[in-house]
Amino acid sequence: HVHALAVGLNKFSKKQAAAQKWMKYLATVPAMKNYAAAGGVPSMPEILNTMVSTNASFANIITYAGKYGYSESAGAREFDIYAKLAEVLSPAWVGQKTADEVASVADAALKSLRK
């Protein structure tokens, strides 16, 4: 299973301060508790441990992640690659373009990043 969640701040946003405040909140214990209560699996082991009584699957997640979980670097410029893919694929995800239209753009973007 490969999983990524990300939140970013649009540099053109007129609400930069509010967005930064919200993004800082997302990494807090109360936010992670709310996320867990809503059915999410927070990345904070201490939250998982304290909420096993409300979600029994957290016990298995703690054990499994501790035994098998790891984060391995994909190589040089991995963030640049991920960011570029998110940029060029997003129009297809929201229905502004077709998958076929963005596929060649994604290929070209990746080729340019490998240079």
PDB file of N, CA and C in Angstrom:
ATOM      1  N   HIS A   1       0.839  -1.173   0.000  1.00  0.00           N
ATOM      2  CA  HIS A   1       0.000   0.000   0.000  1.00  0.00           C
ATOM      3  C   HIS A   1       0.884   1.236   0.000  1.00  0.00           C
ATOM      4  N   VAL A   2       0.673   2.115  -0.941  1.00  0.00           N
ATOM      5  CA  VAL A   2       1.369   3.392  -0.981  1.00  0.00           C
ATOM      6  C   VAL A   2       0.325   4.460  -0.736  1.00  0.00           C
ATOM      7  N   HIS A   3       0.620   5.335   0.188  1.00  0.00           N
ATOM      8  CA  HIS A   3      -0.394   6.295   0.595  1.00  0.00           C
ATOM      9  C   HIS A   3       0.241   7.660   0.803  1.00  0.00           C
ATOM     10  N   ALA A   4      -0.378   8.679   0.308  1.00  0.00           N
ATOM     11  CA  ALA A   4       0.123  10.032   0.545  1.00  0.00           C
ATOM     12  C   ALA A   4      -1.044  10.984   0.721  1.00  0.00           C
ATOM     13  N   LEU A   5      -0.952  11.773   1.733  1.00  0.00           N
ATOM     14  CA  LEU A   5      -1.890  12.867   1.938  1.00  0.00           C
ATOM     15  C   LEU A   5      -1.060  14.137   1.992  1.00  0.00           C
ATOM     16  N   ALA A   6      -1.539  15.166   1.363  1.00  0.00           N
ATOM     17  CA  ALA A   6      -0.784  16.411   1.392  1.00  0.00           C
ATOM     18  C   ALA A   6      -1.730  17.593   1.371  1.00  0.00           C
ATOM     19  N   VAL A   7      -1.290  18.651   1.962  1.00  0.00           N
ATOM     20  CA  VAL A   7      -2.011  19.913   1.933  1.00  0.00           C
ATOM     21  C   VAL A   7      -0.997  20.952   1.496  1.00  0.00           C
ATOM     22  N   GLY A   8      -1.396  21.778   0.579  1.00  0.00           N
ATOM     23  CA  GLY A   8      -0.493  22.813   0.104  1.00  0.00           C
ATOM     24  C   GLY A   8      -1.158  24.174   0.132  1.00  0.00           C
ATOM     25  N   LEU A   9      -0.358  25.194   0.043  1.00  0.00           N
ATOM     26  CA  LEU A   9      -0.860  26.558   0.055  1.00  0.00           C
ATOM     27  C   LEU A   9      -0.603  27.180  -1.312  1.00  0.00           C
ATOM     28  N   ASN A  10      -1.667  27.590  -1.958  1.00  0.00           N
ATOM     29  CA  ASN A  10      -1.563  28.224  -3.263  1.00  0.00           C
ATOM     30  C   ASN A  10      -0.916  29.595  -3.099  1.00  0.00           C
ATOM     31  N   LYS A  11       0.158  29.830  -3.842  1.00  0.00           N
ATOM     32  CA  LYS A  11       0.871  31.099  -3.698  1.00  0.00           C
ATOM     33  C   LYS A  11       0.037  32.300  -4.139  1.00  0.00           C
ATOM     34  N   PHE A  12      -1.048  32.060  -4.855  1.00  0.00           N
ATOM     35  CA  PHE A  12      -1.904  33.146  -5.302  1.00  0.00           C
ATOM     36  C   PHE A  12      -3.084  33.389  -4.365  1.00  0.00           C
ATOM     37  N   SER A  13      -3.180  32.611  -3.301  1.00  0.00           N
ATOM     38  CA  SER A  13      -4.288  32.747  -2.366  1.00  0.00           C
ATOM     39  C   SER A  13      -4.299  34.127  -1.719  1.00  0.00           C
ATOM     40  N   LYS A  14      -5.494  34.662  -1.564  1.00  0.00           N
ATOM     41  CA  LYS A  14      -5.657  35.934  -0.863  1.00  0.00           C
ATOM     42  C   LYS A  14      -5.872  35.700   0.628  1.00  0.00           C
ATOM     43  N   LYS A  15      -5.849  34.455   1.036  1.00  0.00           N
ATOM     44  CA  LYS A  15      -6.095  34.081   2.436  1.00  0.00           C
ATOM     45  C   LYS A  15      -4.889  33.326   3.001  1.00  0.00           C
ATOM     46  N   GLN A  16      -3.687  33.776   2.696  1.00  0.00           N
ATOM     47  CA  GLN A  16      -2.467  33.084   3.113  1.00  0.00           C
ATOM     48  C   GLN A  16      -2.394  32.890   4.628  1.00  0.00           C
ATOM     49  N   ALA A  17      -2.649  33.939   5.391  1.00  0.00           N
ATOM     50  CA  ALA A  17      -2.528  33.841   6.856  1.00  0.00           C
ATOM     51  C   ALA A  17      -3.523  32.836   7.419  1.00  0.00           C
ATOM     52  N   ALA A  18      -4.755  32.886   6.948  1.00  0.00           N
ATOM     53  CA  ALA A  18      -5.771  31.945   7.436  1.00  0.00           C
ATOM     54  C   ALA A  18      -5.414  30.517   7.041  1.00  0.00           C
ATOM     55  N   ALA A  19      -4.919  30.340   5.836  1.00  0.00           N
ATOM     56  CA  ALA A  19      -4.543  29.002   5.375  1.00  0.00           C
ATOM     57  C   ALA A  19      -3.369  28.459   6.183  1.00  0.00           C
ATOM     58  N   GLN A  20      -2.394  29.299   6.475  1.00  0.00           N
ATOM     59  CA  GLN A  20      -1.256  28.850   7.279  1.00  0.00           C
ATOM     60  C   GLN A  20      -1.696  28.468   8.686  1.00  0.00           C
ATOM     61  N   LYS A  21      -2.615  29.236   9.245  1.00  0.00           N
ATOM     62  CA  LYS A  21      -3.143  28.913  10.577  1.00  0.00           C
ATOM     63  C   LYS A  21      -3.839  27.555  10.549  1.00  0.00           C
ATOM     64  N   TRP A  22      -4.639  27.318   9.523  1.00  0.00           N
ATOM     65  CA  TRP A  22      -5.355  26.044   9.392  1.00  0.00           C
ATOM     66  C   TRP A  22      -4.373  24.893   9.206  1.00  0.00           C
ATOM     67  N   MET A  23      -3.348  25.099   8.374  1.00  0.00           N
ATOM     68  CA  MET A  23      -2.372  24.041   8.130  1.00  0.00           C
ATOM     69  C   MET A  23      -1.601  23.699   9.405  1.00  0.00           C
ATOM     70  N   LYS A  24      -1.276  24.709  10.212  1.00  0.00           N
ATOM     71  CA  LYS A  24      -0.597  24.445  11.485  1.00  0.00           C
ATOM     72  C   LYS A  24      -1.507  23.643  12.413  1.00  0.00           C
ATOM     73  N   TYR A  25      -2.791  23.966  12.404  1.00  0.00           N
ATOM     74  CA  TYR A  25      -3.745  23.235  13.237  1.00  0.00           C
ATOM     75  C   TYR A  25      -3.795  21.755  12.855  1.00  0.00           C
ATOM     76  N   LEU A  26      -3.696  21.455  11.581  1.00  0.00           N
ATOM     77  CA  LEU A  26      -3.806  20.068  11.122  1.00  0.00           C
ATOM     78  C   LEU A  26      -2.789  19.134  11.765  1.00  0.00           C
ATOM     79  N   ALA A  27      -1.661  19.656  12.192  1.00  0.00           N
ATOM     80  CA  ALA A  27      -0.618  18.822  12.798  1.00  0.00           C
ATOM     81  C   ALA A  27      -0.728  18.746  14.320  1.00  0.00           C
ATOM     82  N   THR A  28      -1.816  19.249  14.878  1.00  0.00           N
ATOM     83  CA  THR A  28      -1.972  19.235  16.336  1.00  0.00           C
ATOM     84  C   THR A  28      -2.680  17.975  16.806  1.00  0.00           C
ATOM     85  N   VAL A  29      -2.532  17.692  18.084  1.00  0.00           N
ATOM     86  CA  VAL A  29      -3.201  16.536  18.682  1.00  0.00           C
ATOM     87  C   VAL A  29      -4.724  16.652  18.558  1.00  0.00           C
ATOM     88  N   PRO A  30      -5.340  17.811  18.862  1.00  0.00           N
ATOM     89  CA  PRO A  30      -6.801  17.894  18.700  1.00  0.00           C
ATOM     90  C   PRO A  30      -7.264  17.611  17.267  1.00  0.00           C
ATOM     91  N   ALA A  31      -6.519  18.093  16.282  1.00  0.00           N
ATOM     92  CA  ALA A  31      -6.896  17.840  14.885  1.00  0.00           C
ATOM     93  C   ALA A  31      -6.804  16.359  14.563  1.00  0.00           C
ATOM     94  N   MET A  32      -5.746  15.709  15.031  1.00  0.00           N
ATOM     95  CA  MET A  32      -5.579  14.275  14.773  1.00  0.00           C
ATOM     96  C   MET A  32      -6.657  13.460  15.483  1.00  0.00           C
ATOM     97  N   LYS A  33      -7.067  13.907  16.668  1.00  0.00           N
ATOM     98  CA  LYS A  33      -8.158  13.218  17.374  1.00  0.00           C
ATOM     99  C   LYS A  33      -9.459  13.354  16.584  1.00  0.00           C
ATOM    100  N   ASN A  34      -9.718  14.544  16.075  1.00  0.00           N
ATOM    101  CA  ASN A  34     -10.921  14.750  15.254  1.00  0.00           C
ATOM    102  C   ASN A  34     -10.873  13.894  13.997  1.00  0.00           C
ATOM    103  N   TYR A  35      -9.719  13.828  13.374  1.00  0.00           N
ATOM    104  CA  TYR A  35      -9.527  13.016  12.170  1.00  0.00           C
ATOM    105  C   TYR A  35      -9.800  11.548  12.474  1.00  0.00           C
ATOM    106  N   ALA A  36      -9.258  11.065  13.580  1.00  0.00           N
ATOM    107  CA  ALA A  36      -9.470   9.668  13.976  1.00  0.00           C
ATOM    108  C   ALA A  36     -10.938   9.410  14.295  1.00  0.00           C
ATOM    109  N   ALA A  37     -11.566  10.341  14.995  1.00  0.00           N
ATOM    110  CA  ALA A  37     -12.975  10.179  15.356  1.00  0.00           C
ATOM    111  C   ALA A  37     -13.866  10.140  14.115  1.00  0.00           C
ATOM    112  N   ALA A  38     -13.417  10.790  13.045  1.00  0.00           N
ATOM    113  CA  ALA A  38     -14.191  10.821  11.799  1.00  0.00           C
ATOM    114  C   ALA A  38     -13.891   9.628  10.897  1.00  0.00           C
ATOM    115  N   GLY A  39     -13.027   8.713  11.365  1.00  0.00           N
ATOM    116  CA  GLY A  39     -12.740   7.510  10.586  1.00  0.00           C
ATOM    117  C   GLY A  39     -11.373   7.474   9.948  1.00  0.00           C
ATOM    118  N   GLY A  40     -10.594   8.529  10.113  1.00  0.00           N
ATOM    119  CA  GLY A  40      -9.251   8.556   9.552  1.00  0.00           C
ATOM    120  C   GLY A  40      -8.263   7.807  10.425  1.00  0.00           C
ATOM    121  N   VAL A  41      -7.089   7.586   9.887  1.00  0.00           N
ATOM    122  CA  VAL A  41      -6.021   6.926  10.640  1.00  0.00           C
ATOM    123  C   VAL A  41      -4.880   7.939  10.765  1.00  0.00           C
ATOM    124  N   PRO A  42      -4.783   8.601  11.904  1.00  0.00           N
ATOM    125  CA  PRO A  42      -3.748   9.619  12.070  1.00  0.00           C
ATOM    126  C   PRO A  42      -2.352   9.018  12.126  1.00  0.00           C
ATOM    127  N   SER A  43      -1.378   9.835  11.787  1.00  0.00           N
ATOM    128  CA  SER A  43       0.007   9.367  11.769  1.00  0.00           C
ATOM    129  C   SER A  43       0.697   9.547  13.117  1.00  0.00           C
ATOM    130  N   MET A  44      -0.051   9.837  14.153  1.00  0.00           N
ATOM    131  CA  MET A  44       0.513  10.017  15.490  1.00  0.00           C
ATOM    132  C   MET A  44       0.236   8.772  16.325  1.00  0.00           C
ATOM    133  N   PRO A  45       1.269   7.979  16.611  1.00  0.00           N
ATOM    134  CA  PRO A  45       1.059   6.751  17.392  1.00  0.00           C
ATOM    135  C   PRO A  45       0.366   6.990  18.724  1.00  0.00           C
ATOM    136  N   GLU A  46       0.676   8.116  19.388  1.00  0.00           N
ATOM    137  CA  GLU A  46       0.043   8.368  20.683  1.00  0.00           C
ATOM    138  C   GLU A  46      -1.468   8.546  20.557  1.00  0.00           C
ATOM    139  N   ILE A  47      -1.925   9.072  19.436  1.00  0.00           N
ATOM    140  CA  ILE A  47      -3.369   9.199  19.210  1.00  0.00           C
ATOM    141  C   ILE A  47      -3.964   7.817  18.970  1.00  0.00           C
ATOM    142  N   LEU A  48      -3.313   7.035  18.140  1.00  0.00           N
ATOM    143  CA  LEU A  48      -3.801   5.677  17.884  1.00  0.00           C
ATOM    144  C   LEU A  48      -3.907   4.898  19.191  1.00  0.00           C
ATOM    145  N   ASN A  49      -2.871   4.982  20.024  1.00  0.00           N
ATOM    146  CA  ASN A  49      -2.870   4.251  21.291  1.00  0.00           C
ATOM    147  C   ASN A  49      -4.016   4.670  22.206  1.00  0.00           C
ATOM    148  N   THR A  50      -4.302   5.960  22.250  1.00  0.00           N
ATOM    149  CA  THR A  50      -5.345   6.433  23.170  1.00  0.00           C
ATOM    150  C   THR A  50      -6.750   6.209  22.629  1.00  0.00           C
ATOM    151  N   MET A  51      -6.879   5.852  21.352  1.00  0.00           N
ATOM    152  CA  MET A  51      -8.213   5.707  20.768  1.00  0.00           C
ATOM    153  C   MET A  51      -8.549   4.274  20.362  1.00  0.00           C
ATOM    154  N   VAL A  52      -7.766   3.307  20.819  1.00  0.00           N
ATOM    155  CA  VAL A  52      -8.053   1.904  20.516  1.00  0.00           C
ATOM    156  C   VAL A  52      -9.436   1.513  21.029  1.00  0.00           C
ATOM    157  N   SER A  53      -9.847   2.095  22.150  1.00  0.00           N
ATOM    158  CA  SER A  53     -11.161   1.748  22.709  1.00  0.00           C
ATOM    159  C   SER A  53     -12.310   2.210  21.810  1.00  0.00           C
ATOM    160  N   THR A  54     -12.089   3.231  20.999  1.00  0.00           N
ATOM    161  CA  THR A  54     -13.140   3.701  20.094  1.00  0.00           C
ATOM    162  C   THR A  54     -13.004   3.134  18.687  1.00  0.00           C
ATOM    163  N   ASN A  55     -11.807   2.627  18.355  1.00  0.00           N
ATOM    164  CA  ASN A  55     -11.593   2.012  17.046  1.00  0.00           C
ATOM    165  C   ASN A  55     -10.609   0.856  17.227  1.00  0.00           C
ATOM    166  N   ALA A  56     -11.138  -0.326  17.366  1.00  0.00           N
ATOM    167  CA  ALA A  56     -10.313  -1.507  17.653  1.00  0.00           C
ATOM    168  C   ALA A  56      -9.275  -1.778  16.569  1.00  0.00           C
ATOM    169  N   SER A  57      -9.520  -1.334  15.343  1.00  0.00           N
ATOM    170  CA  SER A  57      -8.548  -1.586  14.270  1.00  0.00           C
ATOM    171  C   SER A  57      -7.238  -0.841  14.507  1.00  0.00           C
ATOM    172  N   PHE A  58      -7.258   0.198  15.334  1.00  0.00           N
ATOM    173  CA  PHE A  58      -6.028   0.937  15.609  1.00  0.00           C
ATOM    174  C   PHE A  58      -4.969   0.034  16.240  1.00  0.00           C
ATOM    175  N   ALA A  59      -5.375  -0.940  17.034  1.00  0.00           N
ATOM    176  CA  ALA A  59      -4.406  -1.856  17.652  1.00  0.00           C
ATOM    177  C   ALA A  59      -3.636  -2.614  16.572  1.00  0.00           C
ATOM    178  N   ASN A  60      -4.348  -3.100  15.569  1.00  0.00           N
ATOM    179  CA  ASN A  60      -3.688  -3.808  14.467  1.00  0.00           C
ATOM    180  C   ASN A  60      -2.806  -2.871  13.646  1.00  0.00           C
ATOM    181  N   ILE A  61      -3.270  -1.658  13.442  1.00  0.00           N
ATOM    182  CA  ILE A  61      -2.501  -0.684  12.666  1.00  0.00           C
ATOM    183  C   ILE A  61      -1.195  -0.364  13.381  1.00  0.00           C
ATOM    184  N   ILE A  62      -1.262  -0.184  14.698  1.00  0.00           N
ATOM    185  CA  ILE A  62      -0.061   0.104  15.485  1.00  0.00           C
ATOM    186  C   ILE A  62       0.942  -1.034  15.332  1.00  0.00           C
ATOM    187  N   THR A  63       0.473  -2.248  15.492  1.00  0.00           N
ATOM    188  CA  THR A  63       1.352  -3.415  15.390  1.00  0.00           C
ATOM    189  C   THR A  63       1.930  -3.543  13.985  1.00  0.00           C
ATOM    190  N   TYR A  64       1.076  -3.469  12.979  1.00  0.00           N
ATOM    191  CA  TYR A  64       1.505  -3.649  11.595  1.00  0.00           C
ATOM    192  C   TYR A  64       2.477  -2.548  11.163  1.00  0.00           C
ATOM    193  N   ALA A  65       2.116  -1.291  11.449  1.00  0.00           N
ATOM    194  CA  ALA A  65       2.980  -0.179  11.037  1.00  0.00           C
ATOM    195  C   ALA A  65       4.330  -0.246  11.739  1.00  0.00           C
ATOM    196  N   GLY A  66       4.305  -0.629  13.011  1.00  0.00           N
ATOM    197  CA  GLY A  66       5.557  -0.740  13.745  1.00  0.00           C
ATOM    198  C   GLY A  66       6.451  -1.842  13.219  1.00  0.00           C
ATOM    199  N   LYS A  67       5.845  -2.904  12.756  1.00  0.00           N
ATOM    200  CA  LYS A  67       6.616  -4.053  12.287  1.00  0.00           C
ATOM    201  C   LYS A  67       7.039  -3.925  10.817  1.00  0.00           C
ATOM    202  N   TYR A  68       6.136  -3.426   9.976  1.00  0.00           N
ATOM    203  CA  TYR A  68       6.386  -3.432   8.531  1.00  0.00           C
ATOM    204  C   TYR A  68       6.488  -2.048   7.887  1.00  0.00           C
ATOM    205  N   GLY A  69       6.013  -1.022   8.562  1.00  0.00           N
ATOM    206  CA  GLY A  69       5.956   0.299   7.942  1.00  0.00           C
ATOM    207  C   GLY A  69       7.321   0.944   7.780  1.00  0.00           C
ATOM    208  N   TYR A  70       7.510   1.623   6.676  1.00  0.00           N
ATOM    209  CA  TYR A  70       8.737   2.372   6.444  1.00  0.00           C
ATOM    210  C   TYR A  70       8.469   3.409   5.367  1.00  0.00           C
ATOM    211  N   SER A  71       9.309   4.380   5.318  1.00  0.00           N
ATOM    212  CA  SER A  71       9.222   5.399   4.283  1.00  0.00           C
ATOM    213  C   SER A  71      10.577   5.446   3.599  1.00  0.00           C
ATOM    214  N   GLU A  72      10.587   5.093   2.359  1.00  0.00           N
ATOM    215  CA  GLU A  72      11.837   5.027   1.607  1.00  0.00           C
ATOM    216  C   GLU A  72      11.864   6.130   0.566  1.00  0.00           C
ATOM    217  N   SER A  73      12.987   6.775   0.447  1.00  0.00           N
ATOM    218  CA  SER A  73      13.141   7.812  -0.558  1.00  0.00           C
ATOM    219  C   SER A  73      13.033   7.199  -1.952  1.00  0.00           C
ATOM    220  N   ALA A  74      12.329   7.891  -2.814  1.00  0.00           N
ATOM    221  CA  ALA A  74      12.180   7.423  -4.191  1.00  0.00           C
ATOM    222  C   ALA A  74      13.329   7.905  -5.065  1.00  0.00           C
ATOM    223  N   GLY A  75      14.174   8.745  -4.522  1.00  0.00           N
ATOM    224  CA  GLY A  75      15.319   9.205  -5.291  1.00  0.00           C
ATOM    225  C   GLY A  75      15.379  10.714  -5.387  1.00  0.00           C
ATOM    226  N   ALA A  76      16.331  11.156  -6.165  1.00  0.00           N
ATOM    227  CA  ALA A  76      16.557  12.585  -6.332  1.00  0.00           C
ATOM    228  C   ALA A  76      15.327  13.277  -6.908  1.00  0.00           C
ATOM    229  N   ARG A  77      15.044  14.434  -6.393  1.00  0.00           N
ATOM    230  CA  ARG A  77      13.965  15.299  -6.883  1.00  0.00           C
ATOM    231  C   ARG A  77      12.581  14.682  -6.733  1.00  0.00           C
ATOM    232  N   GLU A  78      12.399  13.780  -5.782  1.00  0.00           N
ATOM    233  CA  GLU A  78      11.100  13.133  -5.641  1.00  0.00           C
ATOM    234  C   GLU A  78       9.990  14.141  -5.353  1.00  0.00           C
ATOM    235  N   PHE A  79      10.264  15.173  -4.549  1.00  0.00           N
ATOM    236  CA  PHE A  79       9.221  16.159  -4.281  1.00  0.00           C
ATOM    237  C   PHE A  79       8.882  16.931  -5.545  1.00  0.00           C
ATOM    238  N   ASP A  80       9.903  17.308  -6.311  1.00  0.00           N
ATOM    239  CA  ASP A  80       9.664  18.022  -7.573  1.00  0.00           C
ATOM    240  C   ASP A  80       8.795  17.189  -8.511  1.00  0.00           C
ATOM    241  N   ILE A  81       9.083  15.900  -8.564  1.00  0.00           N
ATOM    242  CA  ILE A  81       8.312  14.996  -9.430  1.00  0.00           C
ATOM    243  C   ILE A  81       6.871  14.907  -8.956  1.00  0.00           C
ATOM    244  N   TYR A  82       6.680  14.695  -7.654  1.00  0.00           N
ATOM    245  CA  TYR A  82       5.329  14.592  -7.101  1.00  0.00           C
ATOM    246  C   TYR A  82       4.551  15.885  -7.331  1.00  0.00           C
ATOM    247  N   ALA A  83       5.207  17.024  -7.083  1.00  0.00           N
ATOM    248  CA  ALA A  83       4.538  18.316  -7.252  1.00  0.00           C
ATOM    249  C   ALA A  83       4.147  18.552  -8.708  1.00  0.00           C
ATOM    250  N   LYS A  84       5.039  18.213  -9.630  1.00  0.00           N
ATOM    251  CA  LYS A  84       4.748  18.414 -11.052  1.00  0.00           C
ATOM    252  C   LYS A  84       3.610  17.513 -11.505  1.00  0.00           C
ATOM    253  N   LEU A  85       3.610  16.263 -11.044  1.00  0.00           N
ATOM    254  CA  LEU A  85       2.510  15.358 -11.401  1.00  0.00           C
ATOM    255  C   LEU A  85       1.180  15.871 -10.858  1.00  0.00           C
ATOM    256  N   ALA A  86       1.188  16.348  -9.630  1.00  0.00           N
ATOM    257  CA  ALA A  86      -0.045  16.898  -9.064  1.00  0.00           C
ATOM    258  C   ALA A  86      -0.528  18.082  -9.894  1.00  0.00           C
ATOM    259  N   GLU A  87       0.404  18.910 -10.318  1.00  0.00           N
ATOM    260  CA  GLU A  87       0.050  20.084 -11.117  1.00  0.00           C
ATOM    261  C   GLU A  87      -0.551  19.697 -12.468  1.00  0.00           C
ATOM    262  N   VAL A  88       0.111  18.784 -13.182  1.00  0.00           N
ATOM    263  CA  VAL A  88      -0.338  18.488 -14.546  1.00  0.00           C
ATOM    264  C   VAL A  88      -1.501  17.496 -14.598  1.00  0.00           C
ATOM    265  N   LEU A  89      -1.658  16.684 -13.561  1.00  0.00           N
ATOM    266  CA  LEU A  89      -2.765  15.717 -13.558  1.00  0.00           C
ATOM    267  C   LEU A  89      -4.055  16.279 -12.960  1.00  0.00           C
ATOM    268  N   SER A  90      -3.940  17.313 -12.143  1.00  0.00           N
ATOM    269  CA  SER A  90      -5.120  17.867 -11.472  1.00  0.00           C
ATOM    270  C   SER A  90      -6.265  18.241 -12.409  1.00  0.00           C
ATOM    271  N   PRO A  91      -5.999  18.825 -13.579  1.00  0.00           N
ATOM    272  CA  PRO A  91      -7.123  19.149 -14.467  1.00  0.00           C
ATOM    273  C   PRO A  91      -7.963  17.928 -14.853  1.00  0.00           C
ATOM    274  N   ALA A  92      -7.345  16.765 -14.947  1.00  0.00           N
ATOM    275  CA  ALA A  92      -8.114  15.551 -15.261  1.00  0.00           C
ATOM    276  C   ALA A  92      -8.908  15.090 -14.042  1.00  0.00           C
ATOM    277  N   TRP A  93      -8.329  15.248 -12.854  1.00  0.00           N
ATOM    278  CA  TRP A  93      -9.007  14.815 -11.631  1.00  0.00           C
ATOM    279  C   TRP A  93     -10.287  15.601 -11.380  1.00  0.00           C
ATOM    280  N   VAL A  94     -10.313  16.862 -11.831  1.00  0.00           N
ATOM    281  CA  VAL A  94     -11.496  17.693 -11.587  1.00  0.00           C
ATOM    282  C   VAL A  94     -12.371  17.847 -12.829  1.00  0.00           C
ATOM    283  N   GLY A  95     -12.063  17.087 -13.881  1.00  0.00           N
ATOM    284  CA  GLY A  95     -12.915  17.066 -15.062  1.00  0.00           C
ATOM    285  C   GLY A  95     -12.699  18.192 -16.051  1.00  0.00           C
ATOM    286  N   GLN A  96     -11.621  18.969 -15.897  1.00  0.00           N
ATOM    287  CA  GLN A  96     -11.356  20.057 -16.833  1.00  0.00           C
ATOM    288  C   GLN A  96     -10.703  19.562 -18.121  1.00  0.00           C
ATOM    289  N   LYS A  97      -9.994  18.431 -18.025  1.00  0.00           N
ATOM    290  CA  LYS A  97      -9.352  17.813 -19.186  1.00  0.00           C
ATOM    291  C   LYS A  97      -9.510  16.306 -19.062  1.00  0.00           C
ATOM    292  N   THR A  98      -9.255  15.609 -20.149  1.00  0.00           N
ATOM    293  CA  THR A  98      -9.343  14.149 -20.111  1.00  0.00           C
ATOM    294  C   THR A  98      -8.004  13.566 -19.665  1.00  0.00           C
ATOM    295  N   ALA A  99      -8.038  12.313 -19.260  1.00  0.00           N
ATOM    296  CA  ALA A  99      -6.808  11.623 -18.872  1.00  0.00           C
ATOM    297  C   ALA A  99      -5.835  11.577 -20.043  1.00  0.00           C
ATOM    298  N   ASP A 100      -6.352  11.355 -21.240  1.00  0.00           N
ATOM    299  CA  ASP A 100      -5.487  11.316 -22.423  1.00  0.00           C
ATOM    300  C   ASP A 100      -4.794  12.663 -22.652  1.00  0.00           C
ATOM    301  N   GLU A 101      -5.521  13.747 -22.404  1.00  0.00           N
ATOM    302  CA  GLU A 101      -4.939  15.073 -22.616  1.00  0.00           C
ATOM    303  C   GLU A 101      -3.784  15.354 -21.654  1.00  0.00           C
ATOM    304  N   VAL A 102      -3.902  14.918 -20.418  1.00  0.00           N
ATOM    305  CA  VAL A 102      -2.856  15.228 -19.442  1.00  0.00           C
ATOM    306  C   VAL A 102      -1.727  14.204 -19.420  1.00  0.00           C
ATOM    307  N   ALA A 103      -1.952  13.023 -19.967  1.00  0.00           N
ATOM    308  CA  ALA A 103      -0.923  11.973 -19.923  1.00  0.00           C
ATOM    309  C   ALA A 103       0.353  12.399 -20.640  1.00  0.00           C
ATOM    310  N   SER A 104       0.219  12.961 -21.820  1.00  0.00           N
ATOM    311  CA  SER A 104       1.420  13.367 -22.560  1.00  0.00           C
ATOM    312  C   SER A 104       2.113  14.543 -21.878  1.00  0.00           C
ATOM    313  N   VAL A 105       1.331  15.412 -21.261  1.00  0.00           N
ATOM    314  CA  VAL A 105       1.916  16.536 -20.523  1.00  0.00           C
ATOM    315  C   VAL A 105       2.707  16.007 -19.327  1.00  0.00           C
ATOM    316  N   ALA A 106       2.151  15.010 -18.651  1.00  0.00           N
ATOM    317  CA  ALA A 106       2.843  14.398 -17.507  1.00  0.00           C
ATOM    318  C   ALA A 106       4.139  13.733 -17.955  1.00  0.00           C
ATOM    319  N   ASP A 107       4.093  13.002 -19.050  1.00  0.00           N
ATOM    320  CA  ASP A 107       5.299  12.356 -19.575  1.00  0.00           C
ATOM    321  C   ASP A 107       6.384  13.387 -19.891  1.00  0.00           C
ATOM    322  N   ALA A 108       5.991  14.453 -20.561  1.00  0.00           N
ATOM    323  CA  ALA A 108       6.957  15.493 -20.922  1.00  0.00           C
ATOM    324  C   ALA A 108       7.535  16.161 -19.674  1.00  0.00           C
ATOM    325  N   ALA A 109       6.692  16.390 -18.680  1.00  0.00           N
ATOM    326  CA  ALA A 109       7.158  17.019 -17.440  1.00  0.00           C
ATOM    327  C   ALA A 109       8.176  16.139 -16.732  1.00  0.00           C
ATOM    328  N   LEU A 110       7.912  14.844 -16.677  1.00  0.00           N
ATOM    329  CA  LEU A 110       8.851  13.928 -16.020  1.00  0.00           C
ATOM    330  C   LEU A 110      10.168  13.840 -16.781  1.00  0.00           C
ATOM    331  N   LYS A 111      10.086  13.830 -18.101  1.00  0.00           N
ATOM    332  CA  LYS A 111      11.314  13.789 -18.906  1.00  0.00           C
ATOM    333  C   LYS A 111      12.154  15.038 -18.665  1.00  0.00           C
ATOM    334  N   SER A 112      11.506  16.187 -18.554  1.00  0.00           N
ATOM    335  CA  SER A 112      12.259  17.425 -18.333  1.00  0.00           C
ATOM    336  C   SER A 112      12.902  17.444 -16.947  1.00  0.00           C
ATOM    337  N   LEU A 113      12.277  16.817 -15.973  1.00  0.00           N
ATOM    338  CA  LEU A 113      12.848  16.774 -14.624  1.00  0.00           C
ATOM    339  C   LEU A 113      14.011  15.795 -14.510  1.00  0.00           C
ATOM    340  N   ARG A 114      14.087  14.832 -15.413  1.00  0.00           N
ATOM    341  CA  ARG A 114      15.180  13.850 -15.372  1.00  0.00           C
ATOM    342  C   ARG A 114      16.475  14.397 -15.952  1.00  0.00           C
ATOM    343  N   LYS A 115      16.411  15.520 -16.627  1.00  0.00           N
ATOM    344  CA  LYS A 115      17.609  16.099 -17.267  1.00  0.00           C
ATOM    345  C   LYS A 115      18.539  16.696 -16.235  1.00  0.00           C
TER     346      LYS A 115
END
